[in-house]
Amino acid sequence: MTMFVKSTMKKAALLAIALAGATSTIQAQAGGRNMGGGDCAQNAYNCADAPNPLPAPNTVWLEEMTWMDVRDALKAGKTTVIIPTGGMEPNGPWLVTGKHNYVLQANCDAIARKLGNALCAPIVKFVPEGGIDPATGHMGSPGTISTREGTFRALLADIVHSLKMHGFQRIILIGDSGGNQGGQRAVADSLTAIWKGAPIVAHVQEYYDYAGVKKHMESRGVHENAPENLHDDPVISLNMMITDPKSIRLDERVKLGKAGINGTSLADRAKSTAWAREIVEYRAATTVEAIKRAIANKGTLPAAPARD
């Protein structure tokens, strides 16, 4: 870890502690009554205990909920929140740059619903993708957006701290890209040390197990017999497709006779949709079990042994 990253993490930790005190002071001054972006005295809907005039929405995404929806969900026991991190990077000629974000749209939703007591924070789309200037790694391709490692970690720390202040008791970080894993683990471990496990903050590394998903899907007929040497494969394409077929340009590829990757055809919509659902279900089930283990451990589990 570079001195810059260490310094940034230390500053973020100190800032987190300072902000906790500042937030408590502000809430005390306001009497904890002013909510919703307005003054309780000016409109009853701005009061902390105002009844929600609308029924609860059928969503697990914080950004699709009103503040009242989130408040009521917390009171109902939905005190676990998942922070998913994706990215913006090149993925060959067929997949959009937001590949990981499309994957997470389906997977975080499924994971939260399977847990039953969880919500999803907005997908963090800006992550380390390589050096910016001079450009290295994925930054060599147009459309990539990268952050410095310290920026990424500071952002995650602020997101986690925000969710802590609202009463979430279990804050889970999952990442769909390899470059996200180290930063998530470092932030989770740092905040666990500062807050002594209240709330539980855990990086669930088991979510990022594409090798395991591929092995599972081989038994379902998804094979990779003809590598095309692109930043693409059947599993990730199918996982994206369940969110939006346009994200893998499926219609255009069918017309070109290119609706396949690494020897697996995606042209049969019914078969591909069934495969896609199986991928999401498998990833959700394995991640839910890993989240439960992390919660029982009161933090991130030890790193898995490196694969050969």
Protein backbone atom coordinates (compact mmCIF):
# COMPACT_ATOMS: atom_id res chain seq x y z
CA MET A 1 0.00 0.00 0.00
CA THR A 2 1.44 3.40 -0.97
CA MET A 3 2.05 6.18 1.53
CA PHE A 4 -0.60 8.24 -0.32
CA VAL A 5 -3.25 5.57 0.21
CA LYS A 6 -2.26 5.07 3.87
CA SER A 7 -2.44 8.80 4.47
CA THR A 8 -5.81 9.04 2.71
CA MET A 9 -7.27 6.18 4.74
CA LYS A 10 -6.02 7.71 8.00
CA LYS A 11 -7.56 11.06 7.10
CA ALA A 12 -10.82 9.34 6.10
CA ALA A 13 -10.94 7.50 9.42
CA LEU A 14 -10.31 10.67 11.41
CA LEU A 15 -12.89 12.51 9.32
CA ALA A 16 -15.42 9.76 9.99
CA ILE A 17 -15.00 10.22 13.73
CA ALA A 18 -15.23 14.00 13.46
CA LEU A 19 -18.32 13.81 11.28
CA ALA A 20 -20.06 11.54 13.76
CA GLY A 21 -19.78 14.22 16.42
CA ALA A 22 -20.79 16.99 14.04
CA THR A 23 -23.86 15.10 12.86
CA SER A 24 -24.99 14.41 16.40
CA THR A 25 -24.65 18.12 17.21
CA ILE A 26 -26.70 19.13 14.17
CA GLN A 27 -29.43 16.61 15.03
CA ALA A 28 -29.55 17.86 18.61
CA GLN A 29 -29.87 21.45 17.42
CA ALA A 30 -32.72 20.54 15.09
CA GLY A 31 -34.36 18.44 17.76
CA GLY A 32 -34.23 15.50 15.35
CA ARG A 33 -37.55 16.61 13.91
CA ASN A 34 -36.66 18.12 10.54
CA MET A 35 -36.61 15.51 7.77
CA GLY A 36 -37.16 15.22 4.05
CA GLY A 37 -35.12 18.27 3.12
CA GLY A 38 -37.46 20.74 4.80
CA ASP A 39 -38.60 22.27 8.07
CA CYS A 40 -41.07 20.34 10.23
CA ALA A 41 -42.66 23.61 11.38
CA GLN A 42 -43.45 24.57 7.77
CA ASN A 43 -44.91 21.28 6.54
CA ALA A 44 -46.03 18.23 8.50
CA TYR A 45 -44.48 15.92 5.87
CA ASN A 46 -41.06 17.24 6.96
CA CYS A 47 -41.51 15.89 10.49
CA ALA A 48 -39.59 12.81 11.58
CA ASP A 49 -42.72 10.92 12.63
CA ALA A 50 -44.95 11.97 9.72
CA PRO A 51 -47.01 9.03 8.44
CA ASN A 52 -46.06 7.90 4.94
CA PRO A 53 -49.00 8.86 2.66
CA LEU A 54 -48.01 6.20 0.12
CA PRO A 55 -47.77 2.40 0.23
CA ALA A 56 -44.31 0.83 0.43
CA PRO A 57 -42.77 0.43 -3.04
CA ASN A 58 -41.71 -2.93 -4.41
CA THR A 59 -38.00 -2.11 -4.59
CA VAL A 60 -34.82 -2.79 -2.63
CA TRP A 61 -32.92 0.18 -4.10
CA LEU A 62 -32.43 3.20 -1.83
CA GLU A 63 -32.41 5.57 -4.80
CA GLU A 64 -35.90 4.39 -5.77
CA MET A 65 -37.30 5.05 -2.31
CA THR A 66 -38.43 8.23 -0.56
CA TRP A 67 -36.89 9.11 2.78
CA MET A 68 -40.10 7.89 4.42
CA ASP A 69 -39.83 4.58 2.57
CA VAL A 70 -36.30 4.11 3.91
CA ARG A 71 -37.30 5.14 7.42
CA ASP A 72 -40.18 2.68 7.44
CA ALA A 73 -38.07 -0.10 5.96
CA LEU A 74 -35.50 0.37 8.73
CA LYS A 75 -38.24 0.26 11.37
CA ALA A 76 -39.56 -2.92 9.76
CA GLY A 77 -36.18 -4.60 10.23
CA LYS A 78 -34.44 -3.99 6.93
CA THR A 79 -31.22 -3.00 8.64
CA THR A 80 -28.77 -4.67 6.26
CA VAL A 81 -27.56 -2.64 3.29
CA ILE A 82 -25.37 -3.72 0.39
CA ILE A 83 -22.95 -1.35 -1.33
CA PRO A 84 -22.21 -2.71 -4.84
CA THR A 85 -19.21 -1.44 -6.81
CA GLY A 86 -18.96 -1.78 -10.59
CA GLY A 87 -16.95 0.30 -13.03
CA MET A 88 -16.61 1.92 -16.44
CA GLU A 89 -14.23 0.00 -18.70
CA PRO A 90 -13.77 -1.48 -22.22
CA ASN A 91 -15.25 -4.92 -22.86
CA GLY A 92 -14.77 -5.75 -26.52
CA PRO A 93 -17.05 -4.70 -29.41
CA TRP A 94 -20.34 -6.03 -28.03
CA LEU A 95 -20.57 -5.07 -24.36
CA VAL A 96 -21.17 -1.54 -23.08
CA THR A 97 -18.62 0.14 -20.83
CA GLY A 98 -20.95 -0.16 -17.82
CA LYS A 99 -20.78 -3.97 -17.95
CA HIS A 100 -20.30 -4.50 -14.21
CA ASN A 101 -23.06 -2.04 -13.36
CA TYR A 102 -25.61 -3.95 -15.47
CA VAL A 103 -24.54 -7.17 -13.76
CA LEU A 104 -24.97 -5.64 -10.32
CA GLN A 105 -28.40 -4.24 -11.17
CA ALA A 106 -29.68 -7.80 -11.40
CA ASN A 107 -27.51 -9.40 -8.74
CA CYS A 108 -27.81 -6.92 -5.87
CA ASP A 109 -31.57 -6.90 -6.32
CA ALA A 110 -31.66 -10.70 -6.11
CA ILE A 111 -29.28 -10.84 -3.15
CA ALA A 112 -31.22 -8.26 -1.13
CA ARG A 113 -34.55 -9.95 -1.80
CA LYS A 114 -33.17 -13.37 -0.89
CA LEU A 115 -31.75 -12.00 2.39
CA GLY A 116 -35.17 -10.51 3.09
CA ASN A 117 -33.96 -7.82 5.47
CA ALA A 118 -31.69 -5.93 3.09
CA LEU A 119 -31.59 -2.95 0.75
CA CYS A 120 -29.15 -1.92 -1.97
CA ALA A 121 -27.27 1.36 -2.01
CA PRO A 122 -26.71 2.94 -5.45
CA ILE A 123 -24.06 1.17 -7.52
CA VAL A 124 -20.67 2.84 -7.19
CA LYS A 125 -19.75 3.19 -10.87
CA PHE A 126 -16.43 5.01 -10.55
CA VAL A 127 -13.59 2.77 -9.39
CA PRO A 128 -9.85 2.29 -10.04
CA GLU A 129 -9.42 1.24 -13.68
CA GLY A 130 -5.78 2.24 -14.19
CA GLY A 131 -3.53 5.26 -14.10
CA ILE A 132 -5.16 8.41 -15.47
CA ASP A 133 -2.22 10.48 -16.73
CA PRO A 134 -0.24 8.80 -18.10
CA ALA A 135 -2.96 6.33 -18.97
CA THR A 136 -2.39 2.73 -17.91
CA GLY A 137 -4.58 -0.36 -17.74
CA HIS A 138 -8.13 0.11 -18.99
CA MET A 139 -7.58 3.88 -19.22
CA GLY A 140 -5.98 3.23 -22.60
CA SER A 141 -9.48 2.77 -24.07
CA PRO A 142 -12.00 5.61 -24.64
CA GLY A 143 -15.00 5.65 -22.31
CA THR A 144 -13.11 4.36 -19.29
CA ILE A 145 -13.40 6.41 -16.12
CA SER A 146 -10.89 5.77 -13.37
CA THR A 147 -10.36 6.95 -9.82
CA ARG A 148 -7.23 6.94 -7.73
CA GLU A 149 -7.21 4.18 -5.12
CA GLY A 150 -7.29 6.72 -2.31
CA THR A 151 -10.27 8.48 -3.86
CA PHE A 152 -12.14 5.18 -4.17
CA ARG A 153 -11.48 4.24 -0.57
CA ALA A 154 -12.44 7.67 0.73
CA LEU A 155 -15.70 7.52 -1.25
CA LEU A 156 -16.55 4.09 0.13
CA ALA A 157 -15.76 5.24 3.68
CA ASP A 158 -18.14 8.20 3.29
CA ILE A 159 -20.91 6.00 1.88
CA VAL A 160 -20.53 3.48 4.70
CA HIS A 161 -20.51 6.25 7.30
CA SER A 162 -23.64 7.83 5.82
CA LEU A 163 -25.49 4.53 6.07
CA LYS A 164 -24.26 3.97 9.63
CA MET A 165 -25.71 7.31 10.69
CA HIS A 166 -29.15 6.28 9.46
CA GLY A 167 -29.21 3.13 11.57
CA PHE A 168 -28.10 0.32 9.27
CA GLN A 169 -26.59 -2.40 11.45
CA ARG A 170 -24.92 -4.53 8.78
CA ILE A 171 -23.15 -2.83 5.87
CA ILE A 172 -21.92 -5.18 3.16
CA LEU A 173 -19.55 -4.33 0.30
CA ILE A 174 -19.52 -6.42 -2.88
CA GLY A 175 -17.57 -5.71 -6.06
CA ASP A 176 -18.06 -7.08 -9.55
CA SER A 177 -14.57 -6.15 -10.75
CA GLY A 178 -11.17 -7.42 -9.62
CA GLY A 179 -9.70 -3.98 -9.07
CA ASN A 180 -12.39 -3.14 -6.50
CA GLN A 181 -11.66 -5.94 -4.04
CA GLY A 182 -8.63 -4.61 -2.17
CA GLY A 183 -10.11 -1.18 -1.54
CA GLN A 184 -13.36 -2.64 -0.23
CA ARG A 185 -11.52 -4.97 2.16
CA ALA A 186 -9.30 -2.14 3.43
CA VAL A 187 -12.27 0.16 4.09
CA ALA A 188 -14.29 -2.57 5.81
CA ASP A 189 -11.37 -3.60 8.01
CA SER A 190 -10.51 0.00 8.89
CA LEU A 191 -14.05 0.94 9.89
CA THR A 192 -14.53 -2.31 11.78
CA ALA A 193 -11.47 -1.43 13.85
CA ILE A 194 -12.72 2.11 14.50
CA TRP A 195 -16.34 1.20 15.29
CA LYS A 196 -15.63 -2.11 17.05
CA GLY A 197 -18.19 -3.97 14.98
CA ALA A 198 -21.12 -1.63 15.58
CA PRO A 199 -22.28 -1.61 12.87
CA ILE A 200 -20.84 -4.68 11.19
CA VAL A 201 -18.96 -3.64 8.05
CA ALA A 202 -17.84 -6.49 5.82
CA HIS A 203 -16.37 -6.97 2.38
CA VAL A 204 -17.86 -10.17 0.96
CA GLN A 205 -15.21 -11.42 -1.40
CA GLU A 206 -17.15 -14.57 -2.25
CA TYR A 207 -19.44 -12.55 -4.50
CA TYR A 208 -16.56 -12.09 -6.95
CA ASP A 209 -16.13 -15.74 -7.90
CA TYR A 210 -16.55 -15.89 -11.65
CA ALA A 211 -14.58 -19.15 -11.78
CA GLY A 212 -17.18 -20.76 -9.54
CA VAL A 213 -20.06 -19.38 -11.62
CA LYS A 214 -18.51 -20.63 -14.84
CA LYS A 215 -18.00 -24.09 -13.38
CA HIS A 216 -21.63 -24.18 -12.23
CA MET A 217 -22.92 -23.07 -15.63
CA GLU A 218 -20.87 -25.68 -17.47
CA SER A 219 -23.24 -28.24 -15.96
CA ARG A 220 -26.09 -26.25 -17.50
CA GLY A 221 -24.64 -26.29 -21.01
CA VAL A 222 -22.72 -23.00 -21.06
CA HIS A 223 -19.32 -23.97 -22.44
CA GLU A 224 -16.28 -22.00 -23.56
CA ASN A 225 -14.76 -24.13 -26.31
CA ALA A 226 -13.57 -21.40 -28.65
CA PRO A 227 -11.89 -18.51 -26.78
CA GLU A 228 -12.12 -15.22 -28.69
CA ASN A 229 -9.63 -13.43 -26.44
CA LEU A 230 -11.98 -10.55 -25.71
CA HIS A 231 -12.77 -8.99 -22.34
CA ASP A 232 -16.04 -10.92 -22.49
CA ASP A 233 -17.43 -14.38 -21.81
CA PRO A 234 -20.83 -16.15 -21.83
CA VAL A 235 -21.46 -15.84 -18.09
CA ILE A 236 -20.96 -12.10 -17.86
CA SER A 237 -22.84 -11.47 -21.12
CA LEU A 238 -25.81 -13.49 -19.88
CA ASN A 239 -25.71 -11.78 -16.49
CA MET A 240 -25.90 -8.42 -18.27
CA MET A 241 -28.62 -9.60 -20.62
CA ILE A 242 -31.07 -10.30 -17.80
CA THR A 243 -30.96 -6.57 -17.00
CA ASP A 244 -31.01 -5.28 -20.58
CA PRO A 245 -30.30 -7.18 -23.85
CA LYS A 246 -29.27 -3.85 -25.38
CA SER A 247 -26.26 -3.77 -23.07
CA ILE A 248 -24.76 -6.66 -25.05
CA ARG A 249 -26.16 -5.45 -28.41
CA LEU A 250 -28.00 -8.75 -28.81
CA ASP A 251 -30.39 -7.75 -31.62
CA GLU A 252 -27.59 -6.26 -33.71
CA ARG A 253 -25.42 -9.32 -33.16
CA VAL A 254 -28.18 -11.69 -34.21
CA LYS A 255 -28.49 -9.80 -37.49
CA LEU A 256 -24.72 -10.02 -38.02
CA GLY A 257 -24.58 -13.69 -37.09
CA LYS A 258 -22.36 -12.76 -34.11
CA ALA A 259 -24.71 -13.64 -31.25
CA GLY A 260 -22.20 -15.82 -29.48
CA ILE A 261 -19.06 -15.64 -27.39
CA ASN A 262 -16.32 -18.21 -26.82
CA GLY A 263 -18.31 -20.92 -28.57
CA THR A 264 -21.65 -20.40 -26.78
CA SER A 265 -24.52 -18.99 -28.83
CA LEU A 266 -26.84 -16.47 -27.18
CA ALA A 267 -29.22 -16.28 -30.15
CA ASP A 268 -31.92 -18.50 -28.63
CA ARG A 269 -33.67 -15.94 -26.41
CA ALA A 270 -35.58 -18.50 -24.34
CA LYS A 271 -32.50 -20.59 -23.61
CA SER A 272 -30.33 -17.55 -22.92
CA THR A 273 -32.92 -16.08 -20.57
CA ALA A 274 -33.11 -19.35 -18.64
CA TRP A 275 -29.32 -19.43 -18.37
CA ALA A 276 -29.26 -15.81 -17.26
CA ARG A 277 -31.78 -16.46 -14.50
CA GLU A 278 -29.76 -19.46 -13.36
CA ILE A 279 -26.63 -17.29 -13.14
CA VAL A 280 -28.36 -14.63 -11.06
CA GLU A 281 -29.93 -17.25 -8.78
CA TYR A 282 -26.61 -19.04 -8.26
CA ARG A 283 -24.70 -15.84 -7.55
CA ALA A 284 -27.40 -14.60 -5.19
CA ALA A 285 -27.57 -17.88 -3.27
CA THR A 286 -23.80 -18.20 -2.81
CA THR A 287 -23.45 -14.54 -1.85
CA VAL A 288 -26.28 -14.67 0.68
CA GLU A 289 -24.60 -17.59 2.43
CA ALA A 290 -21.29 -15.70 2.43
CA ILE A 291 -22.98 -12.59 3.84
CA LYS A 292 -24.46 -14.65 6.66
CA ARG A 293 -21.01 -16.03 7.47
CA ALA A 294 -19.50 -12.55 7.45
CA ILE A 295 -22.22 -11.26 9.77
CA ALA A 296 -21.62 -14.17 12.14
CA ASN A 297 -17.91 -13.28 12.02
CA LYS A 298 -18.80 -9.62 12.72
CA GLY A 299 -16.69 -8.52 9.77
CA THR A 300 -14.82 -9.57 6.65
CA LEU A 301 -13.83 -13.21 6.58
CA PRO A 302 -10.16 -14.15 6.04
CA ALA A 303 -9.07 -13.99 2.42
CA ALA A 304 -9.72 -17.12 0.40
CA PRO A 305 -6.62 -19.05 -0.76
CA ALA A 306 -5.33 -18.01 -4.14
CA ARG A 307 -6.53 -20.15 -7.06
CA ASP A 308 -3.92 -21.99 -9.13
